[in-house]
Amino acid sequence: MIDISVRINGREVRPSDMRTDLERALMDNTIRVMRDAARYQCPAHLRTALRITANGLSLAQLVFSVDGCCRILEGVLEETLEQL
């Protein structure tokens, strides 16, 4: 099981915390992208990531971080998430 979290201004937020339709859409998209990325397997160990976190000042300014079995998986996922 992977741990997926979104933090805005240092505070963990959930989809139910979003007030506007735009915020809810951005949050839903962020979580969908993170869940899709969680399906990637490490080419060396055939494991998935343990944790994916999105941090930022707003939903439009998120930076993703990944904890996985090794730097190979973390690098692949971080690069993939940055391109989205």
C-alpha atoms as a PDB file:
ATOM      1  CA  MET A   1       0.000   0.000   0.000  1.00  0.00           C
ATOM      2  CA  ILE A   2       1.315   3.407  -0.942  1.00  0.00           C
ATOM      3  CA  ASP A   3       0.976   6.547   1.150  1.00  0.00           C
ATOM      4  CA  ILE A   4      -0.171   9.523  -0.943  1.00  0.00           C
ATOM      5  CA  SER A   5      -0.456  12.963   0.630  1.00  0.00           C
ATOM      6  CA  VAL A   6      -0.872  16.589  -0.412  1.00  0.00           C
ATOM      7  CA  ARG A   7       0.430  19.420   1.765  1.00  0.00           C
ATOM      8  CA  ILE A   8      -0.385  23.090   1.187  1.00  0.00           C
ATOM      9  CA  ASN A   9       1.550  25.631   3.274  1.00  0.00           C
ATOM     10  CA  GLY A  10       2.813  22.767   5.428  1.00  0.00           C
ATOM     11  CA  ARG A  11      -0.671  21.480   6.237  1.00  0.00           C
ATOM     12  CA  GLU A  12      -1.977  18.163   4.935  1.00  0.00           C
ATOM     13  CA  VAL A  13      -5.175  18.638   2.940  1.00  0.00           C
ATOM     14  CA  ARG A  14      -7.837  16.267   1.645  1.00  0.00           C
ATOM     15  CA  PRO A  15     -10.301  16.605  -1.226  1.00  0.00           C
ATOM     16  CA  SER A  16     -13.062  17.397   1.271  1.00  0.00           C
ATOM     17  CA  ASP A  17     -11.058  20.465   2.398  1.00  0.00           C
ATOM     18  CA  MET A  18     -11.375  22.094  -1.025  1.00  0.00           C
ATOM     19  CA  ARG A  19     -13.874  24.958  -1.169  1.00  0.00           C
ATOM     20  CA  THR A  20     -14.314  25.750  -4.860  1.00  0.00           C
ATOM     21  CA  ASP A  21     -14.964  23.619  -7.928  1.00  0.00           C
ATOM     22  CA  LEU A  22     -11.571  24.651  -9.308  1.00  0.00           C
ATOM     23  CA  GLU A  23      -9.775  23.571  -6.115  1.00  0.00           C
ATOM     24  CA  ARG A  24     -11.622  20.247  -6.116  1.00  0.00           C
ATOM     25  CA  ALA A  25     -10.734  19.656  -9.779  1.00  0.00           C
ATOM     26  CA  LEU A  26      -7.053  20.455  -9.168  1.00  0.00           C
ATOM     27  CA  MET A  27      -6.972  18.217  -6.104  1.00  0.00           C
ATOM     28  CA  ASP A  28      -8.708  15.347  -7.917  1.00  0.00           C
ATOM     29  CA  ASN A  29      -6.248  15.653 -10.800  1.00  0.00           C
ATOM     30  CA  THR A  30      -3.259  15.753  -8.440  1.00  0.00           C
ATOM     31  CA  ILE A  31      -4.392  12.609  -6.628  1.00  0.00           C
ATOM     32  CA  ARG A  32      -5.132  10.823  -9.927  1.00  0.00           C
ATOM     33  CA  VAL A  33      -1.649  11.611 -11.235  1.00  0.00           C
ATOM     34  CA  MET A  34      -0.063  10.434  -7.983  1.00  0.00           C
ATOM     35  CA  ARG A  35      -2.039   7.174  -8.041  1.00  0.00           C
ATOM     36  CA  ASP A  36      -1.074   6.580 -11.678  1.00  0.00           C
ATOM     37  CA  ALA A  37       2.578   7.179 -10.793  1.00  0.00           C
ATOM     38  CA  ALA A  38       2.272   4.763  -7.876  1.00  0.00           C
ATOM     39  CA  ARG A  39       1.783   1.934 -10.377  1.00  0.00           C
ATOM     40  CA  TYR A  40       5.336   2.290 -11.733  1.00  0.00           C
ATOM     41  CA  GLN A  41       7.663  -0.492 -10.655  1.00  0.00           C
ATOM     42  CA  CYS A  42      11.370  -0.208  -9.978  1.00  0.00           C
ATOM     43  CA  PRO A  43      13.223  -1.812 -12.906  1.00  0.00           C
ATOM     44  CA  ALA A  44      15.830  -3.250 -10.529  1.00  0.00           C
ATOM     45  CA  HIS A  45      13.669  -4.490  -7.629  1.00  0.00           C
ATOM     46  CA  LEU A  46      10.173  -4.751  -9.160  1.00  0.00           C
ATOM     47  CA  ARG A  47       8.696  -2.767  -6.269  1.00  0.00           C
ATOM     48  CA  THR A  48       6.472   0.295  -6.264  1.00  0.00           C
ATOM     49  CA  ALA A  49       7.030   3.513  -4.318  1.00  0.00           C
ATOM     50  CA  LEU A  50       6.295   3.613  -0.598  1.00  0.00           C
ATOM     51  CA  ARG A  51       5.212   7.239  -0.437  1.00  0.00           C
ATOM     52  CA  ILE A  52       4.446  10.079  -2.850  1.00  0.00           C
ATOM     53  CA  THR A  53       3.990  13.567  -1.404  1.00  0.00           C
ATOM     54  CA  ALA A  54       2.993  16.815  -3.090  1.00  0.00           C
ATOM     55  CA  ASN A  55       4.060  19.997  -1.272  1.00  0.00           C
ATOM     56  CA  GLY A  56       3.518  23.625  -2.213  1.00  0.00           C
ATOM     57  CA  LEU A  57       2.108  27.038  -1.477  1.00  0.00           C
ATOM     58  CA  SER A  58      -0.994  26.240  -3.530  1.00  0.00           C
ATOM     59  CA  LEU A  59      -2.455  23.452  -5.658  1.00  0.00           C
ATOM     60  CA  ALA A  60      -1.010  25.208  -8.713  1.00  0.00           C
ATOM     61  CA  GLN A  61       2.544  25.200  -7.280  1.00  0.00           C
ATOM     62  CA  LEU A  62       3.118  21.624  -6.150  1.00  0.00           C
ATOM     63  CA  VAL A  63       6.481  19.883  -6.006  1.00  0.00           C
ATOM     64  CA  PHE A  64       6.426  16.091  -5.792  1.00  0.00           C
ATOM     65  CA  SER A  65       8.711  13.927  -3.682  1.00  0.00           C
ATOM     66  CA  VAL A  66       8.977  10.150  -3.733  1.00  0.00           C
ATOM     67  CA  ASP A  67      10.229   7.563  -1.233  1.00  0.00           C
ATOM     68  CA  GLY A  68      10.949   4.195  -2.811  1.00  0.00           C
ATOM     69  CA  CYS A  69      13.212   1.179  -2.686  1.00  0.00           C
ATOM     70  CA  CYS A  70      16.118   2.985  -4.365  1.00  0.00           C
ATOM     71  CA  ARG A  71      17.195   6.135  -6.199  1.00  0.00           C
ATOM     72  CA  ILE A  72      16.377   4.552  -9.562  1.00  0.00           C
ATOM     73  CA  LEU A  73      12.650   4.349  -8.785  1.00  0.00           C
ATOM     74  CA  GLU A  74      12.620   7.696  -7.012  1.00  0.00           C
ATOM     75  CA  GLY A  75      14.360   9.376  -9.951  1.00  0.00           C
ATOM     76  CA  VAL A  76      12.035   7.877 -12.559  1.00  0.00           C
ATOM     77  CA  LEU A  77       8.915   8.854 -10.624  1.00  0.00           C
ATOM     78  CA  GLU A  78      10.094  12.361  -9.747  1.00  0.00           C
ATOM     79  CA  GLU A  79      10.974  13.007 -13.392  1.00  0.00           C
ATOM     80  CA  THR A  80       7.617  11.630 -14.549  1.00  0.00           C
ATOM     81  CA  LEU A  81       5.652  13.715 -12.025  1.00  0.00           C
ATOM     82  CA  GLU A  82       7.526  16.914 -12.924  1.00  0.00           C
ATOM     83  CA  GLN A  83       6.569  16.497 -16.573  1.00  0.00           C
ATOM     84  CA  LEU A  84       2.846  16.331 -15.794  1.00  0.00           C
END
